Amino acid sequence: MENASDIINLFRSLFKGREDVFAVRWEKGKKSGYMPAYFYDPYRYRVHRMNGGTFQNFTEKSYLKHSDEQVQKHLDGFHHIGIYPLLQDNSSWFLVADFDKANWQKEVIVFLDAFIK
């Protein structure tokens, strides 16, 4: 059996993205999505909100780095993370496409033809 470090390394070799930021999944009522993961002091944020501020204009936050620890939390089911595949040099390690309508097979062929040309 592989150890945790081997599994994390395999995961990170397949899903390479930006190292300076990652996304976390959120749910509120019937809505859900992904947002950047931040580090911030909850007490300072609470004071900011009490003074009419929002998270968007809260300046005392910074991105959490995409780390082995965060990948392990994802693999353990603690949270769901997403990566930002567009790298700093505007390249990408992988591409994801979603084809789920009635004519998905035709759309896949058109999509693949665009890469072959």
N, C-alpha and C. Protein backbone atom coordinates (compact mmCIF):
# COMPACT_ATOMS: atom_id res chain seq x y z
N MET A 1 0.85 -1.18 0.00
CA MET A 1 0.00 0.00 0.00
C MET A 1 0.89 1.24 0.00
N GLU A 2 0.50 2.21 -0.77
CA GLU A 2 1.25 3.46 -0.83
C GLU A 2 1.02 4.27 0.44
N ASN A 3 2.03 5.05 0.81
CA ASN A 3 1.83 5.90 1.97
C ASN A 3 1.14 7.20 1.54
N ALA A 4 0.76 8.00 2.53
CA ALA A 4 0.00 9.22 2.24
C ALA A 4 0.77 10.17 1.35
N SER A 5 2.07 10.25 1.55
CA SER A 5 2.90 11.15 0.74
C SER A 5 2.88 10.74 -0.74
N ASP A 6 2.94 9.44 -1.01
CA ASP A 6 2.89 8.95 -2.39
C ASP A 6 1.55 9.30 -3.05
N ILE A 7 0.47 9.16 -2.31
CA ILE A 7 -0.86 9.45 -2.85
C ILE A 7 -1.00 10.95 -3.13
N ILE A 8 -0.52 11.77 -2.22
CA ILE A 8 -0.56 13.22 -2.42
C ILE A 8 0.26 13.60 -3.64
N ASN A 9 1.46 13.03 -3.76
CA ASN A 9 2.32 13.33 -4.91
C ASN A 9 1.67 12.91 -6.22
N LEU A 10 1.01 11.76 -6.24
CA LEU A 10 0.30 11.32 -7.44
C LEU A 10 -0.82 12.29 -7.77
N PHE A 11 -1.61 12.64 -6.79
CA PHE A 11 -2.72 13.58 -6.98
C PHE A 11 -2.21 14.90 -7.56
N ARG A 12 -1.16 15.43 -6.96
CA ARG A 12 -0.62 16.72 -7.40
C ARG A 12 0.06 16.64 -8.76
N SER A 13 0.53 15.46 -9.15
CA SER A 13 1.14 15.32 -10.48
C SER A 13 0.07 15.29 -11.57
N LEU A 14 -1.11 14.82 -11.22
CA LEU A 14 -2.21 14.76 -12.19
C LEU A 14 -2.95 16.08 -12.29
N PHE A 15 -3.12 16.75 -11.17
CA PHE A 15 -3.91 17.97 -11.11
C PHE A 15 -3.02 19.15 -10.70
N LYS A 16 -2.18 19.59 -11.62
CA LYS A 16 -1.30 20.72 -11.34
C LYS A 16 -2.04 22.02 -11.61
N GLY A 17 -1.83 22.95 -10.73
CA GLY A 17 -2.42 24.27 -10.88
C GLY A 17 -1.58 25.28 -10.15
N ARG A 18 -2.16 26.43 -9.93
CA ARG A 18 -1.45 27.47 -9.20
C ARG A 18 -1.15 26.99 -7.78
N GLU A 19 0.02 27.35 -7.29
CA GLU A 19 0.43 26.96 -5.94
C GLU A 19 0.07 28.03 -4.92
N ASP A 20 -0.19 29.25 -5.38
CA ASP A 20 -0.42 30.36 -4.45
C ASP A 20 -1.87 30.49 -4.01
N VAL A 21 -2.76 29.68 -4.57
CA VAL A 21 -4.18 29.78 -4.24
C VAL A 21 -4.89 28.49 -4.65
N PHE A 22 -5.97 28.17 -3.96
CA PHE A 22 -6.85 27.07 -4.35
C PHE A 22 -8.27 27.48 -3.97
N ALA A 23 -9.23 26.72 -4.43
CA ALA A 23 -10.63 27.03 -4.15
C ALA A 23 -11.22 26.00 -3.19
N VAL A 24 -12.22 26.43 -2.44
CA VAL A 24 -12.98 25.53 -1.57
C VAL A 24 -14.45 25.60 -1.97
N ARG A 25 -15.12 24.47 -1.84
CA ARG A 25 -16.54 24.40 -2.18
C ARG A 25 -17.36 24.94 -1.01
N TRP A 26 -18.42 25.68 -1.35
CA TRP A 26 -19.33 26.20 -0.35
C TRP A 26 -20.76 25.84 -0.74
N GLU A 27 -21.62 25.78 0.25
CA GLU A 27 -23.05 25.55 0.04
C GLU A 27 -23.83 26.47 0.97
N LYS A 28 -24.87 27.07 0.43
CA LYS A 28 -25.75 27.91 1.24
C LYS A 28 -27.15 27.74 0.67
N GLY A 29 -27.99 27.07 1.43
CA GLY A 29 -29.33 26.78 0.94
C GLY A 29 -29.25 25.88 -0.29
N LYS A 30 -29.88 26.30 -1.38
CA LYS A 30 -29.87 25.51 -2.61
C LYS A 30 -28.74 25.93 -3.55
N LYS A 31 -27.93 26.87 -3.13
CA LYS A 31 -26.83 27.35 -3.96
C LYS A 31 -25.52 26.73 -3.50
N SER A 32 -24.61 26.57 -4.45
CA SER A 32 -23.28 26.06 -4.12
C SER A 32 -22.29 26.52 -5.18
N GLY A 33 -21.03 26.43 -4.86
CA GLY A 33 -20.00 26.83 -5.81
C GLY A 33 -18.63 26.73 -5.18
N TYR A 34 -17.67 27.35 -5.81
CA TYR A 34 -16.30 27.37 -5.31
C TYR A 34 -15.85 28.82 -5.17
N MET A 35 -15.00 29.06 -4.19
CA MET A 35 -14.43 30.39 -3.98
C MET A 35 -12.99 30.22 -3.52
N PRO A 36 -12.16 31.24 -3.68
CA PRO A 36 -10.78 31.12 -3.20
C PRO A 36 -10.76 30.87 -1.69
N ALA A 37 -9.81 30.05 -1.26
CA ALA A 37 -9.62 29.79 0.17
C ALA A 37 -8.76 30.90 0.75
N TYR A 38 -9.22 31.47 1.85
CA TYR A 38 -8.53 32.59 2.48
C TYR A 38 -8.10 32.25 3.91
N PHE A 39 -7.06 32.94 4.34
CA PHE A 39 -6.66 32.96 5.75
C PHE A 39 -7.03 34.33 6.29
N TYR A 40 -7.72 34.35 7.43
CA TYR A 40 -8.08 35.62 8.06
C TYR A 40 -8.42 35.37 9.53
N ASP A 41 -8.37 36.43 10.30
CA ASP A 41 -8.71 36.37 11.72
C ASP A 41 -10.23 36.54 11.84
N PRO A 42 -10.94 35.51 12.28
CA PRO A 42 -12.41 35.61 12.36
C PRO A 42 -12.88 36.73 13.28
N TYR A 43 -12.14 37.00 14.35
CA TYR A 43 -12.53 38.09 15.26
C TYR A 43 -12.47 39.44 14.55
N ARG A 44 -11.36 39.69 13.84
CA ARG A 44 -11.21 40.97 13.12
C ARG A 44 -12.27 41.09 12.03
N TYR A 45 -12.59 39.97 11.39
CA TYR A 45 -13.63 40.01 10.36
C TYR A 45 -14.99 40.31 10.98
N ARG A 46 -15.28 39.73 12.14
CA ARG A 46 -16.55 39.98 12.82
C ARG A 46 -16.69 41.46 13.16
N VAL A 47 -15.62 42.07 13.64
CA VAL A 47 -15.63 43.51 13.94
C VAL A 47 -15.87 44.31 12.66
N HIS A 48 -15.21 43.91 11.60
CA HIS A 48 -15.39 44.57 10.29
C HIS A 48 -16.87 44.50 9.86
N ARG A 49 -17.48 43.34 10.02
CA ARG A 49 -18.90 43.18 9.65
C ARG A 49 -19.81 44.03 10.53
N MET A 50 -19.49 44.09 11.81
CA MET A 50 -20.31 44.90 12.73
C MET A 50 -20.26 46.37 12.36
N ASN A 51 -19.19 46.78 11.69
CA ASN A 51 -19.05 48.17 11.24
C ASN A 51 -19.56 48.35 9.81
N GLY A 52 -20.33 47.38 9.31
CA GLY A 52 -20.95 47.49 7.99
C GLY A 52 -20.12 46.96 6.84
N GLY A 53 -18.99 46.34 7.12
CA GLY A 53 -18.14 45.82 6.05
C GLY A 53 -18.61 44.48 5.52
N THR A 54 -18.06 44.10 4.40
CA THR A 54 -18.35 42.81 3.79
C THR A 54 -17.03 42.04 3.62
N PHE A 55 -17.14 40.77 3.31
CA PHE A 55 -15.93 39.99 3.09
C PHE A 55 -15.18 40.52 1.88
N GLN A 56 -15.92 40.97 0.90
CA GLN A 56 -15.30 41.49 -0.32
C GLN A 56 -14.39 42.69 -0.03
N ASN A 57 -14.81 43.58 0.86
CA ASN A 57 -13.97 44.75 1.13
C ASN A 57 -13.14 44.60 2.42
N PHE A 58 -13.09 43.39 2.96
CA PHE A 58 -12.24 43.10 4.12
C PHE A 58 -10.81 42.92 3.61
N THR A 59 -9.91 43.80 4.03
CA THR A 59 -8.54 43.80 3.49
C THR A 59 -7.57 42.94 4.27
N GLU A 60 -7.95 42.46 5.44
CA GLU A 60 -7.04 41.68 6.27
C GLU A 60 -7.19 40.19 6.02
N LYS A 61 -7.10 39.80 4.75
CA LYS A 61 -7.19 38.39 4.37
C LYS A 61 -6.12 38.12 3.32
N SER A 62 -5.73 36.86 3.23
CA SER A 62 -4.76 36.46 2.20
C SER A 62 -5.14 35.06 1.72
N TYR A 63 -4.73 34.75 0.50
CA TYR A 63 -5.01 33.42 -0.04
C TYR A 63 -4.27 32.35 0.74
N LEU A 64 -4.94 31.23 0.95
CA LEU A 64 -4.26 30.05 1.47
C LEU A 64 -3.53 29.38 0.31
N LYS A 65 -2.34 28.90 0.56
CA LYS A 65 -1.56 28.25 -0.49
C LYS A 65 -2.05 26.82 -0.70
N HIS A 66 -1.97 26.36 -1.94
CA HIS A 66 -2.30 24.98 -2.29
C HIS A 66 -1.15 24.10 -1.79
N SER A 67 -1.38 23.36 -0.73
CA SER A 67 -0.31 22.62 -0.06
C SER A 67 -0.68 21.15 0.07
N ASP A 68 0.31 20.35 0.46
CA ASP A 68 0.07 18.93 0.71
C ASP A 68 -0.98 18.75 1.81
N GLU A 69 -0.94 19.62 2.80
CA GLU A 69 -1.91 19.54 3.90
C GLU A 69 -3.34 19.72 3.38
N GLN A 70 -3.54 20.68 2.48
CA GLN A 70 -4.88 20.92 1.94
C GLN A 70 -5.33 19.77 1.05
N VAL A 71 -4.40 19.19 0.29
CA VAL A 71 -4.73 18.02 -0.54
C VAL A 71 -5.13 16.85 0.35
N GLN A 72 -4.40 16.64 1.44
CA GLN A 72 -4.74 15.55 2.37
C GLN A 72 -6.13 15.76 2.96
N LYS A 73 -6.46 17.00 3.34
CA LYS A 73 -7.81 17.29 3.85
C LYS A 73 -8.87 16.98 2.79
N HIS A 74 -8.57 17.28 1.53
CA HIS A 74 -9.49 16.96 0.44
C HIS A 74 -9.67 15.45 0.32
N LEU A 75 -8.57 14.72 0.32
CA LEU A 75 -8.63 13.26 0.18
C LEU A 75 -9.32 12.61 1.37
N ASP A 76 -9.22 13.21 2.55
CA ASP A 76 -9.87 12.69 3.75
C ASP A 76 -11.34 13.08 3.83
N GLY A 77 -11.82 13.93 2.90
CA GLY A 77 -13.21 14.36 2.90
C GLY A 77 -13.51 15.51 3.83
N PHE A 78 -12.48 16.15 4.39
CA PHE A 78 -12.69 17.28 5.28
C PHE A 78 -13.29 18.46 4.54
N HIS A 79 -12.82 18.69 3.32
CA HIS A 79 -13.39 19.71 2.45
C HIS A 79 -13.12 19.33 1.00
N HIS A 80 -13.84 19.97 0.10
CA HIS A 80 -13.64 19.74 -1.34
C HIS A 80 -12.88 20.94 -1.88
N ILE A 81 -11.75 20.65 -2.53
CA ILE A 81 -10.97 21.74 -3.08
C ILE A 81 -11.00 21.69 -4.60
N GLY A 82 -10.74 22.83 -5.18
CA GLY A 82 -10.57 22.95 -6.62
C GLY A 82 -9.28 23.71 -6.85
N ILE A 83 -8.68 23.48 -7.99
CA ILE A 83 -7.45 24.20 -8.29
C ILE A 83 -7.71 25.18 -9.42
N TYR A 84 -6.83 26.14 -9.53
CA TYR A 84 -6.87 27.08 -10.63
C TYR A 84 -5.88 26.59 -11.67
N PRO A 85 -6.35 25.98 -12.76
CA PRO A 85 -5.44 25.35 -13.71
C PRO A 85 -4.64 26.32 -14.57
N LEU A 86 -5.08 27.58 -14.66
CA LEU A 86 -4.33 28.54 -15.45
C LEU A 86 -3.14 29.01 -14.62
N LEU A 87 -1.94 28.65 -15.07
CA LEU A 87 -0.72 28.95 -14.33
C LEU A 87 -0.29 30.40 -14.54
N GLN A 88 0.69 30.83 -13.77
CA GLN A 88 1.15 32.22 -13.82
C GLN A 88 1.63 32.61 -15.22
N ASP A 89 2.18 31.66 -15.97
CA ASP A 89 2.68 31.97 -17.32
C ASP A 89 1.60 31.78 -18.39
N ASN A 90 0.35 31.70 -17.98
CA ASN A 90 -0.81 31.53 -18.86
C ASN A 90 -0.84 30.18 -19.58
N SER A 91 -0.12 29.20 -19.06
CA SER A 91 -0.21 27.84 -19.58
C SER A 91 -1.09 27.03 -18.63
N SER A 92 -1.41 25.81 -19.03
CA SER A 92 -2.23 24.94 -18.20
C SER A 92 -1.73 23.52 -18.32
N TRP A 93 -1.80 22.77 -17.24
CA TRP A 93 -1.36 21.39 -17.21
C TRP A 93 -2.42 20.45 -17.77
N PHE A 94 -3.69 20.81 -17.66
CA PHE A 94 -4.76 19.96 -18.15
C PHE A 94 -5.95 20.81 -18.58
N LEU A 95 -6.86 20.17 -19.30
CA LEU A 95 -8.06 20.84 -19.77
C LEU A 95 -9.26 19.97 -19.41
N VAL A 96 -10.31 20.60 -18.96
CA VAL A 96 -11.54 19.90 -18.61
C VAL A 96 -12.67 20.48 -19.44
N ALA A 97 -13.51 19.61 -19.98
CA ALA A 97 -14.67 20.05 -20.75
C ALA A 97 -15.89 19.24 -20.29
N ASP A 98 -17.04 19.86 -20.31
CA ASP A 98 -18.27 19.23 -19.85
C ASP A 98 -19.26 19.18 -21.01
N PHE A 99 -19.63 18.00 -21.42
CA PHE A 99 -20.60 17.80 -22.51
C PHE A 99 -21.76 16.98 -21.94
N ASP A 100 -22.90 17.63 -21.73
CA ASP A 100 -23.99 16.90 -21.10
C ASP A 100 -25.36 17.16 -21.72
N LYS A 101 -25.41 17.76 -22.88
CA LYS A 101 -26.69 17.97 -23.53
C LYS A 101 -27.00 16.80 -24.45
N ALA A 102 -28.16 16.82 -25.08
CA ALA A 102 -28.60 15.71 -25.92
C ALA A 102 -27.63 15.40 -27.06
N ASN A 103 -26.98 16.41 -27.60
CA ASN A 103 -26.07 16.20 -28.73
C ASN A 103 -24.61 16.22 -28.29
N TRP A 104 -24.30 15.71 -27.11
CA TRP A 104 -22.96 15.76 -26.55
C TRP A 104 -21.93 15.06 -27.42
N GLN A 105 -22.33 13.96 -28.09
CA GLN A 105 -21.36 13.21 -28.90
C GLN A 105 -20.89 14.04 -30.09
N LYS A 106 -21.80 14.76 -30.72
CA LYS A 106 -21.43 15.62 -31.84
C LYS A 106 -20.55 16.77 -31.36
N GLU A 107 -20.86 17.34 -30.20
CA GLU A 107 -20.07 18.44 -29.66
C GLU A 107 -18.65 17.98 -29.30
N VAL A 108 -18.51 16.75 -28.83
CA VAL A 108 -17.18 16.21 -28.51
C VAL A 108 -16.34 16.12 -29.78
N ILE A 109 -16.92 15.67 -30.87
CA ILE A 109 -16.19 15.55 -32.14
C ILE A 109 -15.75 16.92 -32.62
N VAL A 110 -16.63 17.92 -32.55
CA VAL A 110 -16.27 19.28 -32.96
C VAL A 110 -15.14 19.81 -32.07
N PHE A 111 -15.23 19.56 -30.78
CA PHE A 111 -14.22 19.98 -29.83
C PHE A 111 -12.86 19.35 -30.15
N LEU A 112 -12.85 18.04 -30.39
CA LEU A 112 -11.60 17.35 -30.70
C LEU A 112 -11.02 17.80 -32.05
N ASP A 113 -11.89 18.03 -33.02
CA ASP A 113 -11.42 18.51 -34.33
C ASP A 113 -10.69 19.84 -34.21
N ALA A 114 -11.11 20.68 -33.29
CA ALA A 114 -10.46 21.98 -33.10
C ALA A 114 -9.02 21.81 -32.63
N PHE A 115 -8.72 20.74 -31.91
CA PHE A 115 -7.37 20.52 -31.41
C PHE A 115 -6.49 19.81 -32.43
N ILE A 116 -7.08 19.05 -33.30
CA ILE A 116 -6.31 18.30 -34.29
C ILE A 116 -5.80 19.23 -35.40
N LYS A 117 -6.56 20.25 -35.69
CA LYS A 117 -6.17 21.17 -36.78
C LYS A 117 -5.02 22.04 -36.44
